[in-house]
Amino acid sequence: MKGFMASLALAISFSAAAAGVETVAPDDVPDVLVRTQRTVLPKVRGAAEDYSRNCQGCHGHLGHSVAEVPRLKDRVGLFTHTPEGRAYLIQVPNVTQAMLSHERLAAMMNWMLEEYSREQLAPAFQPYTASEVARLRADRLQSVIARRREVVEGLLRAGVIADADVLAFSLEPGRY
């Protein structure tokens, strides 16, 4: 079994290297389980690293996690179809308060939208800029829930979505 795990780790390393993903050698990791199981860890940089440090804990590394946390995968791009939705994405408290510069936050949001919801982006989507992020961060939401409801209702009126439940927090209808 130990030989198989080492072979598997080596194969994953070669596959990751071929795909351009940097990996961390198991011997260089302080975690004893990673070292003994020869787990190969992908190393993320830039906007992907900012996402992993600021968002992944709740939204997951694939853009979705538990029902109580809004799903990013195949949904978040829908918000870019209206100016209010676009603003909302930056004004969500954990986004606007992230300990990132305006430039890094813009880069992270652009990465996240492309990574998890490219197909749902507005046809004329323009990436966030640092100056836009600065302006939107200065305009704090009074109620994130009320604002989300307004934005979702605006997306309904604009014909972007046919049903508000497309953007529900969970599988429970009416919880958007």
N, C-alpha and C. Protein backbone atom coordinates (compact mmCIF):
# COMPACT_ATOMS: atom_id res chain seq x y z
N MET A 1 0.83 -1.20 0.00
CA MET A 1 0.00 0.00 0.00
C MET A 1 0.87 1.26 0.00
N LYS A 2 1.96 1.23 0.77
CA LYS A 2 2.84 2.39 0.86
C LYS A 2 3.45 2.69 -0.52
N GLY A 3 3.85 1.65 -1.24
CA GLY A 3 4.41 1.82 -2.58
C GLY A 3 3.38 2.39 -3.54
N PHE A 4 2.15 1.91 -3.42
CA PHE A 4 1.08 2.42 -4.28
C PHE A 4 0.84 3.91 -4.03
N MET A 5 0.80 4.32 -2.75
CA MET A 5 0.57 5.72 -2.41
C MET A 5 1.70 6.60 -2.95
N ALA A 6 2.92 6.12 -2.86
CA ALA A 6 4.05 6.90 -3.39
C ALA A 6 3.96 7.02 -4.90
N SER A 7 3.57 5.93 -5.57
CA SER A 7 3.40 5.97 -7.03
C SER A 7 2.28 6.91 -7.42
N LEU A 8 1.19 6.87 -6.68
CA LEU A 8 0.06 7.75 -6.96
C LEU A 8 0.47 9.21 -6.77
N ALA A 9 1.18 9.50 -5.70
CA ALA A 9 1.64 10.87 -5.45
C ALA A 9 2.56 11.34 -6.56
N LEU A 10 3.41 10.46 -7.03
CA LEU A 10 4.32 10.82 -8.11
C LEU A 10 3.55 11.08 -9.40
N ALA A 11 2.56 10.25 -9.70
CA ALA A 11 1.73 10.45 -10.89
C ALA A 11 0.96 11.76 -10.82
N ILE A 12 0.44 12.07 -9.65
CA ILE A 12 -0.28 13.34 -9.47
C ILE A 12 0.69 14.51 -9.65
N SER A 13 1.90 14.37 -9.12
CA SER A 13 2.90 15.43 -9.28
C SER A 13 3.19 15.69 -10.75
N PHE A 14 3.40 14.62 -11.53
CA PHE A 14 3.68 14.78 -12.95
C PHE A 14 2.48 15.39 -13.68
N SER A 15 1.26 14.93 -13.33
CA SER A 15 0.05 15.48 -13.95
C SER A 15 -0.11 16.96 -13.62
N ALA A 16 0.11 17.32 -12.38
CA ALA A 16 -0.02 18.72 -11.96
C ALA A 16 1.03 19.57 -12.65
N ALA A 17 2.25 19.06 -12.74
CA ALA A 17 3.31 19.82 -13.39
C ALA A 17 2.99 20.03 -14.86
N ALA A 18 2.44 19.01 -15.50
CA ALA A 18 2.08 19.13 -16.91
C ALA A 18 0.97 20.16 -17.10
N ALA A 19 0.11 20.30 -16.11
CA ALA A 19 -1.00 21.26 -16.19
C ALA A 19 -0.57 22.66 -15.77
N GLY A 20 0.67 22.83 -15.32
CA GLY A 20 1.15 24.14 -14.91
C GLY A 20 0.81 24.51 -13.48
N VAL A 21 0.40 23.54 -12.68
CA VAL A 21 0.06 23.79 -11.28
C VAL A 21 1.30 23.51 -10.44
N GLU A 22 1.66 24.46 -9.62
CA GLU A 22 2.81 24.26 -8.73
C GLU A 22 2.35 23.39 -7.56
N THR A 23 3.20 22.47 -7.16
CA THR A 23 2.87 21.63 -6.02
C THR A 23 3.93 21.77 -4.95
N VAL A 24 3.58 21.38 -3.75
CA VAL A 24 4.50 21.40 -2.63
C VAL A 24 4.89 19.96 -2.34
N ALA A 25 6.18 19.68 -2.26
CA ALA A 25 6.65 18.33 -1.96
C ALA A 25 6.23 17.95 -0.55
N PRO A 26 5.73 16.73 -0.37
CA PRO A 26 5.27 16.31 0.96
C PRO A 26 6.33 16.44 2.04
N ASP A 27 7.61 16.27 1.70
CA ASP A 27 8.67 16.37 2.71
C ASP A 27 8.83 17.78 3.25
N ASP A 28 8.33 18.77 2.53
CA ASP A 28 8.48 20.17 2.93
C ASP A 28 7.29 20.69 3.74
N VAL A 29 6.33 19.83 4.03
CA VAL A 29 5.11 20.23 4.72
C VAL A 29 5.20 19.80 6.18
N PRO A 30 4.86 20.70 7.12
CA PRO A 30 4.98 20.34 8.54
C PRO A 30 3.97 19.29 9.01
N ASP A 31 2.86 19.10 8.30
CA ASP A 31 1.83 18.17 8.73
C ASP A 31 2.30 16.73 8.56
N VAL A 32 2.34 15.97 9.64
CA VAL A 32 2.86 14.60 9.61
C VAL A 32 2.02 13.69 8.72
N LEU A 33 0.70 13.86 8.68
CA LEU A 33 -0.14 13.01 7.83
C LEU A 33 0.14 13.26 6.35
N VAL A 34 0.36 14.51 5.99
CA VAL A 34 0.70 14.83 4.60
C VAL A 34 2.03 14.16 4.24
N ARG A 35 3.00 14.24 5.13
CA ARG A 35 4.32 13.63 4.85
C ARG A 35 4.22 12.12 4.75
N THR A 36 3.54 11.48 5.70
CA THR A 36 3.51 10.02 5.71
C THR A 36 2.65 9.46 4.59
N GLN A 37 1.58 10.16 4.20
CA GLN A 37 0.72 9.68 3.12
C GLN A 37 1.19 10.15 1.75
N ARG A 38 2.25 11.01 1.73
CA ARG A 38 2.83 11.52 0.49
C ARG A 38 1.80 12.30 -0.34
N THR A 39 0.95 13.04 0.35
CA THR A 39 -0.07 13.85 -0.32
C THR A 39 0.60 15.00 -1.07
N VAL A 40 0.19 15.21 -2.28
CA VAL A 40 0.73 16.31 -3.08
C VAL A 40 -0.24 17.48 -2.95
N LEU A 41 0.27 18.62 -2.54
CA LEU A 41 -0.57 19.78 -2.32
C LEU A 41 -0.37 20.81 -3.42
N PRO A 42 -1.47 21.23 -4.08
CA PRO A 42 -1.31 22.30 -5.07
C PRO A 42 -1.07 23.62 -4.37
N LYS A 43 -0.22 24.44 -4.93
CA LYS A 43 0.07 25.75 -4.36
C LYS A 43 -0.64 26.79 -5.21
N VAL A 44 -1.44 27.62 -4.58
CA VAL A 44 -2.15 28.67 -5.32
C VAL A 44 -1.48 30.00 -5.07
N ARG A 45 -1.60 30.88 -6.05
CA ARG A 45 -0.97 32.19 -5.97
C ARG A 45 -1.96 33.25 -6.44
N GLY A 46 -1.64 34.50 -6.14
CA GLY A 46 -2.40 35.63 -6.65
C GLY A 46 -3.85 35.64 -6.22
N ALA A 47 -4.75 35.90 -7.15
CA ALA A 47 -6.18 36.02 -6.85
C ALA A 47 -6.75 34.71 -6.31
N ALA A 48 -6.27 33.58 -6.82
CA ALA A 48 -6.74 32.29 -6.32
C ALA A 48 -6.36 32.11 -4.85
N GLU A 49 -5.17 32.57 -4.48
CA GLU A 49 -4.76 32.49 -3.08
C GLU A 49 -5.61 33.42 -2.22
N ASP A 50 -5.90 34.62 -2.72
CA ASP A 50 -6.76 35.55 -1.97
C ASP A 50 -8.14 34.94 -1.76
N TYR A 51 -8.69 34.28 -2.79
CA TYR A 51 -9.97 33.59 -2.64
C TYR A 51 -9.85 32.51 -1.57
N SER A 52 -8.80 31.71 -1.64
CA SER A 52 -8.67 30.61 -0.68
C SER A 52 -8.56 31.12 0.75
N ARG A 53 -7.95 32.26 0.94
CA ARG A 53 -7.78 32.81 2.29
C ARG A 53 -9.01 33.57 2.78
N ASN A 54 -9.79 34.14 1.88
CA ASN A 54 -10.89 35.02 2.29
C ASN A 54 -12.29 34.46 2.04
N CYS A 55 -12.44 33.51 1.15
CA CYS A 55 -13.78 33.08 0.74
C CYS A 55 -13.99 31.57 0.84
N GLN A 56 -12.95 30.82 0.58
CA GLN A 56 -13.07 29.37 0.46
C GLN A 56 -13.59 28.70 1.73
N GLY A 57 -13.30 29.27 2.88
CA GLY A 57 -13.76 28.67 4.13
C GLY A 57 -15.27 28.50 4.18
N CYS A 58 -16.00 29.41 3.58
CA CYS A 58 -17.46 29.31 3.55
C CYS A 58 -17.97 28.79 2.20
N HIS A 59 -17.44 29.34 1.10
CA HIS A 59 -17.97 29.02 -0.23
C HIS A 59 -17.34 27.77 -0.86
N GLY A 60 -16.31 27.22 -0.23
CA GLY A 60 -15.70 26.00 -0.71
C GLY A 60 -14.73 26.21 -1.86
N HIS A 61 -13.85 25.24 -2.07
CA HIS A 61 -12.83 25.37 -3.11
C HIS A 61 -13.39 25.16 -4.51
N LEU A 62 -14.61 24.67 -4.60
CA LEU A 62 -15.26 24.49 -5.90
C LEU A 62 -16.39 25.49 -6.12
N GLY A 63 -16.52 26.47 -5.22
CA GLY A 63 -17.56 27.48 -5.38
C GLY A 63 -18.90 27.11 -4.78
N HIS A 64 -18.92 26.05 -4.00
CA HIS A 64 -20.14 25.68 -3.28
C HIS A 64 -19.75 24.84 -2.08
N SER A 65 -20.60 24.93 -1.04
CA SER A 65 -20.33 24.13 0.16
C SER A 65 -21.63 23.65 0.76
N VAL A 66 -22.11 24.32 1.80
CA VAL A 66 -23.34 23.89 2.47
C VAL A 66 -24.52 24.76 2.03
N ALA A 67 -25.72 24.26 2.24
CA ALA A 67 -26.93 24.94 1.78
C ALA A 67 -27.10 26.35 2.35
N GLU A 68 -26.59 26.59 3.54
CA GLU A 68 -26.77 27.89 4.19
C GLU A 68 -25.87 28.99 3.62
N VAL A 69 -24.91 28.62 2.80
CA VAL A 69 -23.97 29.59 2.21
C VAL A 69 -24.30 29.73 0.73
N PRO A 70 -24.49 30.95 0.25
CA PRO A 70 -24.83 31.12 -1.17
C PRO A 70 -23.81 30.44 -2.09
N ARG A 71 -24.33 29.73 -3.05
CA ARG A 71 -23.52 29.01 -4.04
C ARG A 71 -22.96 30.00 -5.06
N LEU A 72 -21.68 29.94 -5.33
CA LEU A 72 -21.04 30.77 -6.36
C LEU A 72 -21.08 30.05 -7.71
N LYS A 73 -20.81 28.76 -7.68
CA LYS A 73 -20.70 27.97 -8.90
C LYS A 73 -21.98 28.09 -9.73
N ASP A 74 -21.81 28.51 -10.97
CA ASP A 74 -22.91 28.62 -11.95
C ASP A 74 -24.01 29.59 -11.54
N ARG A 75 -23.74 30.49 -10.60
CA ARG A 75 -24.74 31.47 -10.17
C ARG A 75 -24.22 32.88 -10.04
N VAL A 76 -23.04 33.05 -9.45
CA VAL A 76 -22.59 34.39 -9.07
C VAL A 76 -22.51 35.33 -10.27
N GLY A 77 -22.21 34.82 -11.44
CA GLY A 77 -22.14 35.67 -12.64
C GLY A 77 -23.46 36.32 -13.00
N LEU A 78 -24.57 35.74 -12.57
CA LEU A 78 -25.89 36.33 -12.84
C LEU A 78 -26.01 37.73 -12.27
N PHE A 79 -25.33 37.98 -11.16
CA PHE A 79 -25.41 39.30 -10.52
C PHE A 79 -24.79 40.40 -11.38
N THR A 80 -23.94 40.04 -12.32
CA THR A 80 -23.28 41.05 -13.14
C THR A 80 -24.18 41.63 -14.23
N HIS A 81 -25.38 41.15 -14.34
CA HIS A 81 -26.30 41.60 -15.39
C HIS A 81 -26.98 42.93 -15.07
N THR A 82 -26.93 43.37 -13.82
CA THR A 82 -27.50 44.67 -13.47
C THR A 82 -26.47 45.46 -12.67
N PRO A 83 -26.50 46.79 -12.76
CA PRO A 83 -25.57 47.59 -11.97
C PRO A 83 -25.72 47.34 -10.47
N GLU A 84 -26.96 47.12 -10.02
CA GLU A 84 -27.21 46.86 -8.60
C GLU A 84 -26.61 45.53 -8.17
N GLY A 85 -26.72 44.52 -9.03
CA GLY A 85 -26.14 43.21 -8.72
C GLY A 85 -24.63 43.26 -8.69
N ARG A 86 -24.08 43.98 -9.65
CA ARG A 86 -22.62 44.14 -9.72
C ARG A 86 -22.11 44.82 -8.44
N ALA A 87 -22.79 45.87 -8.02
CA ALA A 87 -22.40 46.59 -6.80
C ALA A 87 -22.55 45.68 -5.58
N TYR A 88 -23.64 44.93 -5.53
CA TYR A 88 -23.92 44.04 -4.40
C TYR A 88 -22.76 43.07 -4.15
N LEU A 89 -22.19 42.52 -5.21
CA LEU A 89 -21.10 41.55 -5.04
C LEU A 89 -19.92 42.13 -4.26
N ILE A 90 -19.64 43.40 -4.46
CA ILE A 90 -18.54 44.05 -3.74
C ILE A 90 -18.98 44.50 -2.36
N GLN A 91 -20.26 44.81 -2.20
CA GLN A 91 -20.75 45.37 -0.94
C GLN A 91 -21.17 44.33 0.09
N VAL A 92 -21.16 43.06 -0.26
CA VAL A 92 -21.42 42.02 0.73
C VAL A 92 -20.38 42.20 1.84
N PRO A 93 -20.80 42.23 3.10
CA PRO A 93 -19.87 42.57 4.19
C PRO A 93 -18.53 41.84 4.17
N ASN A 94 -18.50 40.53 3.99
CA ASN A 94 -17.22 39.83 4.04
C ASN A 94 -16.34 40.14 2.83
N VAL A 95 -16.92 40.63 1.75
CA VAL A 95 -16.13 41.04 0.59
C VAL A 95 -15.59 42.44 0.84
N THR A 96 -16.48 43.37 1.13
CA THR A 96 -16.06 44.77 1.29
C THR A 96 -15.08 44.95 2.45
N GLN A 97 -15.18 44.08 3.46
CA GLN A 97 -14.29 44.20 4.62
C GLN A 97 -13.04 43.31 4.54
N ALA A 98 -12.87 42.63 3.43
CA ALA A 98 -11.69 41.77 3.27
C ALA A 98 -10.43 42.61 3.41
N MET A 99 -9.44 42.05 4.04
CA MET A 99 -8.17 42.77 4.27
C MET A 99 -7.30 42.70 3.02
N LEU A 100 -7.85 43.21 1.93
CA LEU A 100 -7.16 43.25 0.65
C LEU A 100 -7.21 44.67 0.11
N SER A 101 -6.20 45.05 -0.64
CA SER A 101 -6.24 46.35 -1.31
C SER A 101 -7.37 46.35 -2.34
N HIS A 102 -7.75 47.51 -2.80
CA HIS A 102 -8.78 47.60 -3.84
C HIS A 102 -8.34 46.83 -5.08
N GLU A 103 -7.06 46.90 -5.42
CA GLU A 103 -6.54 46.20 -6.59
C GLU A 103 -6.66 44.70 -6.44
N ARG A 104 -6.24 44.20 -5.28
CA ARG A 104 -6.29 42.74 -5.06
C ARG A 104 -7.73 42.24 -4.96
N LEU A 105 -8.61 43.04 -4.35
CA LEU A 105 -10.01 42.62 -4.26
C LEU A 105 -10.63 42.58 -5.66
N ALA A 106 -10.35 43.57 -6.49
CA ALA A 106 -10.86 43.56 -7.86
C ALA A 106 -10.35 42.32 -8.59
N ALA A 107 -9.06 42.03 -8.47
CA ALA A 107 -8.48 40.86 -9.14
C ALA A 107 -9.11 39.57 -8.63
N MET A 108 -9.33 39.46 -7.32
CA MET A 108 -9.93 38.25 -6.76
C MET A 108 -11.36 38.07 -7.26
N MET A 109 -12.13 39.16 -7.26
CA MET A 109 -13.52 39.05 -7.72
C MET A 109 -13.58 38.68 -9.20
N ASN A 110 -12.72 39.27 -10.00
CA ASN A 110 -12.69 38.92 -11.42
C ASN A 110 -12.30 37.46 -11.62
N TRP A 111 -11.32 37.00 -10.86
CA TRP A 111 -10.91 35.59 -10.92
C TRP A 111 -12.08 34.69 -10.54
N MET A 112 -12.75 35.01 -9.42
CA MET A 112 -13.84 34.19 -8.92
C MET A 112 -14.97 34.10 -9.94
N LEU A 113 -15.33 35.23 -10.54
CA LEU A 113 -16.41 35.24 -11.53
C LEU A 113 -16.05 34.37 -12.74
N GLU A 114 -14.82 34.49 -13.21
CA GLU A 114 -14.38 33.68 -14.36
C GLU A 114 -14.26 32.20 -13.99
N GLU A 115 -13.75 31.93 -12.81
CA GLU A 115 -13.52 30.55 -12.38
C GLU A 115 -14.81 29.79 -12.12
N TYR A 116 -15.76 30.43 -11.47
CA TYR A 116 -16.96 29.71 -11.03
C TYR A 116 -18.22 30.00 -11.82
N SER A 117 -18.23 31.05 -12.63
CA SER A 117 -19.51 31.40 -13.26
C SER A 117 -19.33 32.11 -14.60
N ARG A 118 -18.34 31.73 -15.36
CA ARG A 118 -18.06 32.37 -16.65
C ARG A 118 -19.28 32.35 -17.57
N GLU A 119 -19.98 31.24 -17.62
CA GLU A 119 -21.14 31.09 -18.52
C GLU A 119 -22.30 32.02 -18.15
N GLN A 120 -22.37 32.45 -16.91
CA GLN A 120 -23.49 33.28 -16.46
C GLN A 120 -23.16 34.77 -16.47
N LEU A 121 -21.94 35.15 -16.81
CA LEU A 121 -21.58 36.58 -16.83
C LEU A 121 -22.41 37.33 -17.86
N ALA A 122 -22.67 38.61 -17.56
CA ALA A 122 -23.36 39.48 -18.51
C ALA A 122 -22.58 39.49 -19.82
N PRO A 123 -23.28 39.53 -20.96
CA PRO A 123 -22.58 39.50 -22.25
C PRO A 123 -21.51 40.59 -22.40
N ALA A 124 -21.76 41.77 -21.87
CA ALA A 124 -20.79 42.87 -21.99
C ALA A 124 -20.01 43.06 -20.68
N PHE A 125 -19.82 41.97 -19.93
CA PHE A 125 -19.13 42.07 -18.64
C PHE A 125 -17.78 42.74 -18.78
N GLN A 126 -17.56 43.72 -17.93
CA GLN A 126 -16.26 44.38 -17.82
C GLN A 126 -15.69 44.03 -16.45
N PRO A 127 -14.44 43.62 -16.39
CA PRO A 127 -13.85 43.28 -15.10
C PRO A 127 -13.89 44.47 -14.14
N TYR A 128 -13.98 44.14 -12.85
CA TYR A 128 -13.91 45.18 -11.82
C TYR A 128 -12.55 45.87 -11.89
N THR A 129 -12.56 47.15 -11.58
CA THR A 129 -11.31 47.91 -11.48
C THR A 129 -11.11 48.31 -10.02
N ALA A 130 -9.90 48.67 -9.69
CA ALA A 130 -9.60 49.10 -8.33
C ALA A 130 -10.41 50.34 -7.96
N SER A 131 -10.56 51.28 -8.88
CA SER A 131 -11.32 52.50 -8.57
C SER A 131 -12.79 52.18 -8.35
N GLU A 132 -13.36 51.26 -9.12
CA GLU A 132 -14.76 50.87 -8.91
C GLU A 132 -14.92 50.20 -7.56
N VAL A 133 -14.00 49.32 -7.22
CA VAL A 133 -14.06 48.63 -5.92
C VAL A 133 -13.97 49.64 -4.78
N ALA A 134 -13.08 50.62 -4.90
CA ALA A 134 -12.94 51.65 -3.86
C ALA A 134 -14.25 52.40 -3.68
N ARG A 135 -14.88 52.78 -4.78
CA ARG A 135 -16.15 53.53 -4.72
C ARG A 135 -17.25 52.67 -4.09
N LEU A 136 -17.35 51.41 -4.49
CA LEU A 136 -18.40 50.53 -3.96
C LEU A 136 -18.16 50.17 -2.50
N ARG A 137 -16.93 50.02 -2.10
CA ARG A 137 -16.62 49.72 -0.69
C ARG A 137 -17.02 50.87 0.22
N ALA A 138 -16.96 52.08 -0.27
CA ALA A 138 -17.29 53.26 0.54
C ALA A 138 -18.80 53.36 0.79
N ASP A 139 -19.61 52.69 -0.01
CA ASP A 139 -21.06 52.75 0.09
C ASP A 139 -21.55 51.46 0.77
N ARG A 140 -21.57 51.48 2.11
CA ARG A 140 -21.92 50.28 2.89
C ARG A 140 -23.41 49.98 2.84
N LEU A 141 -23.74 48.69 2.84
CA LEU A 141 -25.14 48.25 2.86
C LEU A 141 -25.71 48.41 4.27
N GLN A 142 -26.97 48.81 4.33
CA GLN A 142 -27.65 48.86 5.62
C GLN A 142 -28.12 47.46 6.03
N SER A 143 -28.63 46.71 5.06
CA SER A 143 -29.08 45.35 5.32
C SER A 143 -28.73 44.48 4.12
N VAL A 144 -27.83 43.53 4.32
CA VAL A 144 -27.41 42.67 3.21
C VAL A 144 -28.57 41.81 2.72
N ILE A 145 -29.45 41.38 3.62
CA ILE A 145 -30.58 40.52 3.22
C ILE A 145 -31.58 41.32 2.40
N ALA A 146 -31.92 42.51 2.86
CA ALA A 146 -32.87 43.35 2.11
C ALA A 146 -32.29 43.72 0.75
N ARG A 147 -30.99 44.03 0.71
CA ARG A 147 -30.37 44.40 -0.56
C ARG A 147 -30.33 43.21 -1.52
N ARG A 148 -30.03 42.04 -1.02
CA ARG A 148 -30.02 40.84 -1.88
C ARG A 148 -31.40 40.61 -2.47
N ARG A 149 -32.42 40.76 -1.65
CA ARG A 149 -33.79 40.57 -2.13
C ARG A 149 -34.09 41.57 -3.24
N GLU A 150 -33.72 42.84 -3.06
CA GLU A 150 -33.93 43.86 -4.10
C GLU A 150 -33.20 43.51 -5.39
N VAL A 151 -31.96 43.07 -5.25
CA VAL A 151 -31.15 42.71 -6.42
C VAL A 151 -31.77 41.53 -7.16
N VAL A 152 -32.18 40.50 -6.42
CA VAL A 152 -32.79 39.32 -7.05
C VAL A 152 -34.09 39.71 -7.75
N GLU A 153 -34.88 40.55 -7.09
CA GLU A 153 -36.12 41.01 -7.73
C GLU A 153 -35.83 41.81 -9.00
N GLY A 154 -34.75 42.60 -9.00
CA GLY A 154 -34.33 43.34 -10.19
C GLY A 154 -33.89 42.39 -11.30
N LEU A 155 -33.22 41.31 -10.96
CA LEU A 155 -32.82 40.31 -11.95
C LEU A 155 -34.04 39.62 -12.54
N LEU A 156 -35.06 39.41 -11.72
CA LEU A 156 -36.33 38.84 -12.22
C LEU A 156 -36.98 39.80 -13.21
N ARG A 157 -37.11 41.08 -12.82
CA ARG A 157 -37.74 42.08 -13.70
C ARG A 157 -36.98 42.25 -15.01
N ALA A 158 -35.65 42.14 -14.95
CA ALA A 158 -34.82 42.29 -16.15
C ALA A 158 -34.84 41.04 -17.03
N GLY A 159 -35.46 39.97 -16.55
CA GLY A 159 -35.52 38.73 -17.32
C GLY A 159 -34.23 37.93 -17.30
N VAL A 160 -33.33 38.25 -16.40
CA VAL A 160 -32.06 37.52 -16.29
C VAL A 160 -32.31 36.13 -15.72
N ILE A 161 -33.19 36.07 -14.74
CA ILE A 161 -33.59 34.78 -14.15
C ILE A 161 -35.10 34.67 -14.25
N ALA A 162 -35.60 33.46 -14.38
CA ALA A 162 -37.04 33.24 -14.50
C ALA A 162 -37.69 32.97 -13.15
N ASP A 163 -36.87 32.62 -12.16
CA ASP A 163 -37.39 32.25 -10.85
C ASP A 163 -36.36 32.66 -9.80
N ALA A 164 -36.80 33.32 -8.75
CA ALA A 164 -35.90 33.77 -7.68
C ALA A 164 -35.18 32.62 -7.01
N ASP A 165 -35.77 31.44 -7.04
CA ASP A 165 -35.16 30.29 -6.38
C ASP A 165 -33.86 29.85 -7.05
N VAL A 166 -33.59 30.34 -8.26
CA VAL A 166 -32.31 30.06 -8.92
C VAL A 166 -31.17 30.58 -8.05
N LEU A 167 -31.42 31.67 -7.32
CA LEU A 167 -30.40 32.26 -6.46
C LEU A 167 -30.67 32.03 -4.97
N ALA A 168 -31.43 30.98 -4.67
CA ALA A 168 -31.74 30.67 -3.27
C ALA A 168 -30.48 30.31 -2.50
N PHE A 169 -30.48 30.62 -1.23
CA PHE A 169 -29.36 30.24 -0.36
C PHE A 169 -29.30 28.73 -0.22
N SER A 170 -30.45 28.11 -0.25
CA SER A 170 -30.50 26.66 -0.04
C SER A 170 -31.48 26.07 -1.01
N LEU A 171 -31.81 24.83 -0.82
CA LEU A 171 -32.80 24.16 -1.67
C LEU A 171 -34.22 24.52 -1.23
N GLU A 172 -34.32 25.28 -0.16
CA GLU A 172 -35.62 25.68 0.36
C GLU A 172 -36.16 26.86 -0.45
N PRO A 173 -37.29 26.69 -1.17
CA PRO A 173 -37.83 27.78 -1.99
C PRO A 173 -38.08 29.05 -1.18
N GLY A 174 -37.88 30.20 -1.82
CA GLY A 174 -38.16 31.46 -1.19
C GLY A 174 -37.06 32.00 -0.29
N ARG A 175 -35.93 31.32 -0.22
CA ARG A 175 -34.83 31.77 0.66
C ARG A 175 -33.72 32.38 -0.17
N TYR A 176 -34.00 33.47 -0.82
CA TYR A 176 -32.98 34.15 -1.59
C TYR A 176 -32.65 35.43 -0.91
